[in-house]
């Protein structure tokens, strides 16, 4: 079971959310790059993927991985707004890849089944593929949002 709460604040999360459970995994983001697309529809799907690049992966390999992720919106029109962030100093996660879609079909169909996804991005995640760098344990969370989340 998972949940995500997007919070943009200059204060510590416990200060803004005093009832934050002790078991909450607070993930601070250091944005790498993002693009915000204004949508005619207020309602959209917000997707968050938390992942870990294997310790010891060469920086130039990480840069190619990040570049492949950030190239996805140029190939997959279902991705509207998006953001790639690193997670500095976190014990578990190294990156967060977030997107907004018009509907679940954009995420579960157009995005996840797109040839660019399968040929350029999944190879980084598939433990059986030579050169994979992402640990198998990921957190894939998505939800309806009543308005823009990224870029706010």
N, C-alpha and C. Protein backbone atom coordinates (compact mmCIF):
# COMPACT_ATOMS: atom_id res chain seq x y z
N UNK A 1 0.85 -1.17 0.00
CA UNK A 1 0.00 0.00 0.00
C UNK A 1 0.89 1.23 0.00
N UNK A 2 0.57 2.20 -0.80
CA UNK A 2 1.37 3.41 -0.86
C UNK A 2 0.49 4.63 -1.04
N UNK A 3 1.04 5.74 -0.71
CA UNK A 3 0.36 7.02 -0.89
C UNK A 3 1.43 8.07 -1.10
N UNK A 4 1.06 9.13 -1.78
CA UNK A 4 2.00 10.21 -2.00
C UNK A 4 1.29 11.52 -1.69
N UNK A 5 2.01 12.41 -1.07
CA UNK A 5 1.50 13.74 -0.77
C UNK A 5 2.54 14.71 -1.30
N UNK A 6 2.16 15.49 -2.30
CA UNK A 6 3.08 16.47 -2.88
C UNK A 6 3.04 17.73 -2.05
N UNK A 7 4.20 18.14 -1.55
CA UNK A 7 4.27 19.30 -0.68
C UNK A 7 5.46 20.16 -1.11
N UNK A 8 5.18 21.41 -1.39
CA UNK A 8 6.25 22.37 -1.70
C UNK A 8 6.30 23.37 -0.56
N UNK A 9 7.41 23.36 0.18
CA UNK A 9 7.52 24.24 1.34
C UNK A 9 8.99 24.50 1.65
N UNK A 10 9.25 25.63 2.26
CA UNK A 10 10.60 25.96 2.70
C UNK A 10 10.87 25.46 4.12
N UNK A 11 9.84 24.94 4.76
CA UNK A 11 9.96 24.45 6.14
C UNK A 11 10.06 22.93 6.14
N UNK A 12 10.47 22.38 7.25
CA UNK A 12 10.53 20.93 7.41
C UNK A 12 9.12 20.36 7.32
N UNK A 13 8.95 19.19 6.69
CA UNK A 13 7.60 18.61 6.55
C UNK A 13 6.84 18.48 7.87
N UNK A 14 7.52 18.10 8.94
CA UNK A 14 6.84 17.94 10.23
C UNK A 14 6.29 19.27 10.75
N UNK A 15 6.90 20.38 10.35
CA UNK A 15 6.41 21.71 10.75
C UNK A 15 5.13 22.05 10.01
N UNK A 16 5.08 21.72 8.72
CA UNK A 16 3.91 22.02 7.89
C UNK A 16 2.79 21.01 8.15
N UNK A 17 3.17 19.76 8.38
CA UNK A 17 2.21 18.68 8.62
C UNK A 17 2.50 18.06 9.98
N UNK A 18 2.05 18.68 11.08
CA UNK A 18 2.41 18.19 12.41
C UNK A 18 1.89 16.79 12.72
N UNK A 19 0.90 16.30 11.96
CA UNK A 19 0.38 14.96 12.21
C UNK A 19 1.00 13.93 11.28
N UNK A 20 2.14 14.25 10.69
CA UNK A 20 2.83 13.35 9.79
C UNK A 20 3.23 12.08 10.56
N UNK A 21 2.82 10.91 10.08
CA UNK A 21 3.17 9.67 10.80
C UNK A 21 4.68 9.45 10.85
N UNK A 22 5.14 8.82 11.92
CA UNK A 22 6.56 8.52 12.06
C UNK A 22 7.06 7.60 10.94
N UNK A 23 6.15 6.82 10.36
CA UNK A 23 6.53 5.88 9.32
C UNK A 23 6.58 6.53 7.93
N UNK A 24 6.23 7.80 7.82
CA UNK A 24 6.24 8.48 6.53
C UNK A 24 7.66 8.57 6.00
N UNK A 25 7.81 8.32 4.72
CA UNK A 25 9.10 8.42 4.05
C UNK A 25 9.15 9.78 3.36
N UNK A 26 9.78 10.74 3.99
CA UNK A 26 9.89 12.09 3.43
C UNK A 26 11.03 12.08 2.41
N UNK A 27 10.70 12.46 1.17
CA UNK A 27 11.65 12.39 0.07
C UNK A 27 11.89 13.81 -0.46
N UNK A 28 13.02 14.41 -0.08
CA UNK A 28 13.33 15.76 -0.58
C UNK A 28 13.81 15.70 -2.03
N UNK A 29 13.33 16.60 -2.85
CA UNK A 29 13.66 16.58 -4.28
C UNK A 29 14.61 17.70 -4.66
N UNK A 30 15.57 17.37 -5.49
CA UNK A 30 16.47 18.34 -6.11
C UNK A 30 16.22 18.25 -7.61
N UNK A 31 15.39 19.13 -8.16
CA UNK A 31 15.00 19.02 -9.57
C UNK A 31 16.20 19.06 -10.52
N UNK A 32 16.16 18.17 -11.52
CA UNK A 32 17.15 18.14 -12.59
C UNK A 32 16.61 18.97 -13.75
N UNK A 33 15.38 18.65 -14.16
CA UNK A 33 14.72 19.38 -15.24
C UNK A 33 13.23 19.07 -15.20
N UNK A 34 12.43 19.99 -15.70
CA UNK A 34 10.98 19.80 -15.71
C UNK A 34 10.37 20.60 -16.86
N UNK A 35 9.17 20.23 -17.22
CA UNK A 35 8.39 20.99 -18.19
C UNK A 35 6.94 20.98 -17.73
N UNK A 36 6.34 22.16 -17.72
CA UNK A 36 4.95 22.28 -17.31
C UNK A 36 4.12 22.61 -18.54
N UNK A 37 3.05 21.85 -18.73
CA UNK A 37 2.12 22.05 -19.84
C UNK A 37 0.76 22.40 -19.25
N UNK A 38 0.22 23.52 -19.65
CA UNK A 38 -1.12 23.90 -19.19
C UNK A 38 -2.14 23.05 -19.92
N UNK A 39 -3.07 22.49 -19.17
CA UNK A 39 -4.10 21.64 -19.75
C UNK A 39 -5.46 22.32 -19.68
N UNK A 40 -6.29 22.09 -20.69
CA UNK A 40 -7.65 22.63 -20.68
C UNK A 40 -8.47 21.99 -19.57
N UNK A 41 -8.22 20.72 -19.32
CA UNK A 41 -8.92 19.99 -18.28
C UNK A 41 -8.21 20.19 -16.95
N UNK A 42 -8.97 20.51 -15.91
CA UNK A 42 -8.35 20.66 -14.59
C UNK A 42 -7.93 19.29 -14.05
N UNK A 43 -8.77 18.30 -14.20
CA UNK A 43 -8.52 16.96 -13.66
C UNK A 43 -7.47 16.24 -14.50
N UNK A 44 -6.57 15.54 -13.82
CA UNK A 44 -5.50 14.81 -14.51
C UNK A 44 -4.98 13.71 -13.60
N UNK A 45 -4.18 12.81 -14.17
CA UNK A 45 -3.51 11.76 -13.41
C UNK A 45 -2.11 12.26 -13.08
N UNK A 46 -1.75 12.20 -11.81
CA UNK A 46 -0.39 12.53 -11.34
C UNK A 46 0.30 11.21 -11.03
N UNK A 47 1.42 10.95 -11.68
CA UNK A 47 2.17 9.71 -11.48
C UNK A 47 3.53 10.04 -10.87
N UNK A 48 3.94 9.24 -9.90
CA UNK A 48 5.23 9.38 -9.24
C UNK A 48 5.94 8.03 -9.26
N UNK A 49 7.18 8.01 -9.73
CA UNK A 49 8.00 6.82 -9.68
C UNK A 49 9.24 7.13 -8.86
N UNK A 50 9.42 6.42 -7.76
CA UNK A 50 10.62 6.55 -6.95
C UNK A 50 11.51 5.35 -7.28
N UNK A 51 12.79 5.60 -7.51
CA UNK A 51 13.69 4.53 -7.92
C UNK A 51 15.07 4.74 -7.32
N UNK A 52 15.86 3.67 -7.39
CA UNK A 52 17.22 3.71 -6.88
C UNK A 52 18.19 3.22 -7.94
N UNK A 53 19.13 4.07 -8.32
CA UNK A 53 20.22 3.66 -9.21
C UNK A 53 21.24 2.94 -8.34
N UNK A 54 21.73 1.81 -8.84
CA UNK A 54 22.68 1.00 -8.07
C UNK A 54 23.91 1.82 -7.67
N UNK A 55 24.30 1.63 -6.41
CA UNK A 55 25.51 2.27 -5.88
C UNK A 55 26.70 1.88 -6.75
N UNK A 56 27.53 2.85 -7.05
CA UNK A 56 28.72 2.60 -7.83
C UNK A 56 28.54 2.77 -9.34
N UNK A 57 27.32 3.10 -9.78
CA UNK A 57 27.10 3.33 -11.21
C UNK A 57 27.87 4.58 -11.63
N UNK A 58 28.58 4.49 -12.73
CA UNK A 58 29.39 5.61 -13.21
C UNK A 58 28.52 6.84 -13.49
N UNK A 59 29.00 8.02 -13.12
CA UNK A 59 28.22 9.24 -13.34
C UNK A 59 27.79 9.44 -14.79
N UNK A 60 28.63 9.08 -15.75
CA UNK A 60 28.25 9.25 -17.16
C UNK A 60 27.12 8.30 -17.55
N UNK A 61 27.05 7.13 -16.91
CA UNK A 61 25.95 6.19 -17.15
C UNK A 61 24.66 6.74 -16.55
N UNK A 62 24.76 7.30 -15.35
CA UNK A 62 23.58 7.93 -14.72
C UNK A 62 23.08 9.08 -15.60
N UNK A 63 23.99 9.85 -16.16
CA UNK A 63 23.61 10.97 -17.03
C UNK A 63 22.86 10.46 -18.28
N UNK A 64 23.31 9.34 -18.86
CA UNK A 64 22.61 8.77 -20.04
C UNK A 64 21.22 8.29 -19.64
N UNK A 65 21.12 7.66 -18.48
CA UNK A 65 19.82 7.21 -17.96
C UNK A 65 18.87 8.40 -17.78
N UNK A 66 19.35 9.44 -17.13
CA UNK A 66 18.52 10.62 -16.92
C UNK A 66 18.11 11.24 -18.26
N UNK A 67 19.02 11.27 -19.20
CA UNK A 67 18.73 11.81 -20.54
C UNK A 67 17.64 11.00 -21.23
N UNK A 68 17.70 9.67 -21.12
CA UNK A 68 16.65 8.83 -21.72
C UNK A 68 15.29 9.09 -21.09
N UNK A 69 15.26 9.28 -19.77
CA UNK A 69 13.99 9.59 -19.11
C UNK A 69 13.45 10.93 -19.62
N UNK A 70 14.31 11.93 -19.64
CA UNK A 70 13.86 13.28 -20.03
C UNK A 70 13.50 13.38 -21.51
N UNK A 71 13.94 12.43 -22.32
CA UNK A 71 13.58 12.42 -23.74
C UNK A 71 12.21 11.80 -23.98
N UNK A 72 11.68 11.10 -23.00
CA UNK A 72 10.41 10.41 -23.19
C UNK A 72 9.28 11.33 -23.67
N UNK A 73 9.08 12.51 -23.08
CA UNK A 73 7.96 13.35 -23.53
C UNK A 73 8.04 13.77 -24.99
N UNK A 74 9.23 13.82 -25.56
CA UNK A 74 9.36 14.15 -26.99
C UNK A 74 8.84 13.02 -27.87
N UNK A 75 8.78 11.82 -27.34
CA UNK A 75 8.33 10.65 -28.09
C UNK A 75 6.93 10.19 -27.71
N UNK A 76 6.54 10.46 -26.46
CA UNK A 76 5.26 9.95 -25.93
C UNK A 76 4.36 11.14 -25.61
N UNK A 77 3.44 11.42 -26.50
CA UNK A 77 2.60 12.62 -26.36
C UNK A 77 1.64 12.56 -25.17
N UNK A 78 1.41 11.38 -24.62
CA UNK A 78 0.52 11.27 -23.46
C UNK A 78 1.12 11.94 -22.22
N UNK A 79 2.44 12.08 -22.18
CA UNK A 79 3.08 12.75 -21.05
C UNK A 79 2.87 14.24 -21.24
N UNK A 80 2.25 14.87 -20.27
CA UNK A 80 2.03 16.32 -20.35
C UNK A 80 3.13 16.99 -19.52
N UNK A 81 2.83 17.45 -18.33
CA UNK A 81 3.87 18.01 -17.47
C UNK A 81 4.73 16.87 -16.92
N UNK A 82 6.00 17.19 -16.64
CA UNK A 82 6.89 16.16 -16.09
C UNK A 82 8.02 16.81 -15.32
N UNK A 83 8.64 16.02 -14.46
CA UNK A 83 9.78 16.49 -13.67
C UNK A 83 10.66 15.30 -13.32
N UNK A 84 11.95 15.48 -13.48
CA UNK A 84 12.93 14.50 -13.01
C UNK A 84 13.73 15.16 -11.90
N UNK A 85 13.82 14.48 -10.77
CA UNK A 85 14.56 15.00 -9.62
C UNK A 85 15.50 13.95 -9.08
N UNK A 86 16.59 14.42 -8.51
CA UNK A 86 17.46 13.56 -7.71
C UNK A 86 17.01 13.70 -6.26
N UNK A 87 17.39 12.72 -5.46
CA UNK A 87 17.01 12.71 -4.05
C UNK A 87 18.28 12.73 -3.22
N UNK A 88 18.74 13.92 -2.85
CA UNK A 88 20.02 14.02 -2.13
C UNK A 88 19.93 13.51 -0.70
N UNK A 89 20.91 12.72 -0.32
CA UNK A 89 21.03 12.28 1.07
C UNK A 89 19.95 11.35 1.56
N UNK A 90 19.18 10.73 0.68
CA UNK A 90 18.13 9.82 1.11
C UNK A 90 18.70 8.41 1.20
N UNK A 91 18.27 7.65 2.19
CA UNK A 91 18.82 6.32 2.41
C UNK A 91 18.34 5.30 1.38
N UNK A 92 17.19 5.55 0.76
CA UNK A 92 16.62 4.53 -0.13
C UNK A 92 16.56 4.95 -1.59
N UNK A 93 16.01 6.12 -1.89
CA UNK A 93 15.75 6.53 -3.27
C UNK A 93 16.84 7.47 -3.79
N UNK A 94 17.12 7.37 -5.10
CA UNK A 94 18.08 8.29 -5.72
C UNK A 94 17.40 9.25 -6.70
N UNK A 95 16.26 8.84 -7.27
CA UNK A 95 15.58 9.64 -8.29
C UNK A 95 14.06 9.56 -8.13
N UNK A 96 13.40 10.63 -8.56
CA UNK A 96 11.94 10.65 -8.65
C UNK A 96 11.58 11.17 -10.03
N UNK A 97 10.76 10.39 -10.75
CA UNK A 97 10.31 10.72 -12.10
C UNK A 97 8.80 10.91 -12.00
N UNK A 98 8.33 12.14 -12.25
CA UNK A 98 6.92 12.47 -12.10
C UNK A 98 6.34 12.94 -13.43
N UNK A 99 5.08 12.61 -13.66
CA UNK A 99 4.39 13.07 -14.86
C UNK A 99 2.93 13.36 -14.53
N UNK A 100 2.31 14.13 -15.43
CA UNK A 100 0.86 14.33 -15.42
C UNK A 100 0.32 13.84 -16.76
N UNK A 101 -0.81 13.14 -16.71
CA UNK A 101 -1.49 12.60 -17.87
C UNK A 101 -2.94 13.06 -17.85
N UNK A 102 -3.58 13.08 -19.00
CA UNK A 102 -4.99 13.46 -19.05
C UNK A 102 -5.89 12.43 -18.38
N UNK A 103 -5.52 11.15 -18.49
CA UNK A 103 -6.38 10.08 -17.96
C UNK A 103 -5.54 8.82 -17.74
N UNK A 104 -6.13 7.79 -17.11
CA UNK A 104 -5.37 6.56 -16.86
C UNK A 104 -4.88 5.87 -18.13
N UNK A 105 -5.62 5.99 -19.24
CA UNK A 105 -5.18 5.38 -20.50
C UNK A 105 -3.86 5.97 -20.98
N UNK A 106 -3.65 7.26 -20.74
CA UNK A 106 -2.39 7.88 -21.12
C UNK A 106 -1.22 7.27 -20.39
N UNK A 107 -1.42 6.94 -19.11
CA UNK A 107 -0.37 6.32 -18.31
C UNK A 107 -0.23 4.83 -18.62
N UNK A 108 -1.32 4.09 -18.46
CA UNK A 108 -1.27 2.64 -18.57
C UNK A 108 -1.21 2.12 -20.00
N UNK A 109 -1.59 2.94 -20.96
CA UNK A 109 -1.55 2.52 -22.36
C UNK A 109 -0.45 3.22 -23.11
N UNK A 110 -0.71 4.46 -23.52
CA UNK A 110 0.23 5.20 -24.37
C UNK A 110 1.64 5.24 -23.79
N UNK A 111 1.77 5.49 -22.50
CA UNK A 111 3.09 5.64 -21.87
C UNK A 111 3.77 4.29 -21.66
N UNK A 112 3.14 3.42 -20.88
CA UNK A 112 3.80 2.16 -20.50
C UNK A 112 3.98 1.21 -21.68
N UNK A 113 3.17 1.33 -22.72
CA UNK A 113 3.26 0.43 -23.86
C UNK A 113 3.99 1.03 -25.06
N UNK A 114 4.49 2.24 -24.93
CA UNK A 114 5.12 2.92 -26.05
C UNK A 114 6.47 2.28 -26.40
N UNK A 115 6.79 2.16 -27.70
CA UNK A 115 8.08 1.57 -28.09
C UNK A 115 9.30 2.29 -27.50
N UNK A 116 9.23 3.61 -27.36
CA UNK A 116 10.38 4.32 -26.76
C UNK A 116 10.59 3.84 -25.32
N UNK A 117 9.50 3.67 -24.59
CA UNK A 117 9.58 3.19 -23.21
C UNK A 117 10.25 1.83 -23.16
N UNK A 118 9.82 0.93 -24.04
CA UNK A 118 10.34 -0.44 -24.03
C UNK A 118 11.77 -0.53 -24.53
N UNK A 119 12.16 0.30 -25.50
CA UNK A 119 13.49 0.14 -26.09
C UNK A 119 14.57 1.01 -25.45
N UNK A 120 14.19 2.18 -24.93
CA UNK A 120 15.20 3.10 -24.40
C UNK A 120 15.20 3.21 -22.88
N UNK A 121 14.08 2.94 -22.25
CA UNK A 121 13.99 3.18 -20.81
C UNK A 121 13.96 1.87 -20.01
N UNK A 122 13.17 0.90 -20.44
CA UNK A 122 13.06 -0.33 -19.66
C UNK A 122 14.38 -1.07 -19.52
N UNK A 123 15.28 -0.90 -20.47
CA UNK A 123 16.58 -1.59 -20.38
C UNK A 123 17.35 -1.19 -19.13
N UNK A 124 17.13 0.03 -18.65
CA UNK A 124 17.80 0.48 -17.43
C UNK A 124 17.25 -0.23 -16.19
N UNK A 125 16.00 -0.71 -16.29
CA UNK A 125 15.30 -1.31 -15.15
C UNK A 125 15.36 -2.84 -15.15
N UNK A 126 15.52 -3.46 -16.30
CA UNK A 126 15.43 -4.91 -16.44
C UNK A 126 16.73 -5.57 -15.98
N UNK A 127 16.66 -6.26 -14.84
CA UNK A 127 17.85 -6.89 -14.25
C UNK A 127 18.49 -7.92 -15.19
N UNK A 128 17.73 -8.45 -16.15
CA UNK A 128 18.27 -9.43 -17.09
C UNK A 128 18.92 -8.78 -18.30
N UNK A 129 18.79 -7.46 -18.43
CA UNK A 129 19.38 -6.75 -19.57
C UNK A 129 20.78 -6.27 -19.19
N UNK A 130 21.75 -6.48 -20.08
CA UNK A 130 23.09 -5.97 -19.81
C UNK A 130 23.04 -4.45 -19.65
N UNK A 131 23.73 -3.95 -18.65
CA UNK A 131 23.77 -2.51 -18.45
C UNK A 131 22.64 -1.94 -17.61
N UNK A 132 21.76 -2.79 -17.07
CA UNK A 132 20.70 -2.25 -16.22
C UNK A 132 21.33 -1.64 -14.97
N UNK A 133 20.74 -0.56 -14.48
CA UNK A 133 21.33 0.14 -13.33
C UNK A 133 20.33 0.41 -12.21
N UNK A 134 19.05 0.15 -12.44
CA UNK A 134 18.03 0.47 -11.45
C UNK A 134 17.73 -0.75 -10.59
N UNK A 135 17.76 -0.56 -9.28
CA UNK A 135 17.40 -1.64 -8.35
C UNK A 135 15.96 -2.07 -8.59
N UNK A 136 15.63 -3.35 -8.38
CA UNK A 136 14.28 -3.83 -8.68
C UNK A 136 13.17 -3.21 -7.81
N UNK A 137 13.48 -2.82 -6.60
CA UNK A 137 12.45 -2.25 -5.72
C UNK A 137 12.19 -0.80 -6.12
N UNK A 138 10.97 -0.54 -6.60
CA UNK A 138 10.56 0.81 -6.98
C UNK A 138 9.23 1.11 -6.29
N UNK A 139 8.87 2.37 -6.27
CA UNK A 139 7.53 2.76 -5.82
C UNK A 139 6.86 3.47 -6.98
N UNK A 140 5.77 2.90 -7.48
CA UNK A 140 5.02 3.45 -8.60
C UNK A 140 3.64 3.84 -8.06
N UNK A 141 3.41 5.14 -7.94
CA UNK A 141 2.19 5.66 -7.36
C UNK A 141 1.51 6.60 -8.34
N UNK A 142 0.19 6.49 -8.46
CA UNK A 142 -0.53 7.46 -9.27
C UNK A 142 -1.90 7.70 -8.69
N UNK A 143 -2.43 8.87 -9.00
CA UNK A 143 -3.71 9.30 -8.43
C UNK A 143 -4.33 10.36 -9.31
N UNK A 144 -5.64 10.55 -9.12
CA UNK A 144 -6.31 11.68 -9.76
C UNK A 144 -5.91 12.95 -9.01
N UNK A 145 -5.74 14.02 -9.73
CA UNK A 145 -5.50 15.34 -9.14
C UNK A 145 -6.53 16.29 -9.76
N UNK A 146 -7.07 17.17 -8.96
CA UNK A 146 -8.09 18.11 -9.42
C UNK A 146 -7.51 19.35 -10.08
N UNK A 147 -6.21 19.42 -10.19
CA UNK A 147 -5.56 20.54 -10.83
C UNK A 147 -4.09 20.24 -10.98
N UNK A 148 -3.33 21.18 -11.51
CA UNK A 148 -1.91 20.94 -11.71
C UNK A 148 -1.20 20.66 -10.38
N UNK A 149 -0.27 19.73 -10.43
CA UNK A 149 0.56 19.42 -9.27
C UNK A 149 1.99 19.86 -9.55
N UNK A 150 2.49 19.49 -10.72
CA UNK A 150 3.86 19.86 -11.08
C UNK A 150 3.90 21.33 -11.50
N UNK A 151 4.93 21.99 -11.06
CA UNK A 151 5.10 23.40 -11.40
C UNK A 151 4.33 24.36 -10.53
N UNK A 152 3.72 23.84 -9.49
CA UNK A 152 3.00 24.72 -8.53
C UNK A 152 3.85 25.03 -7.34
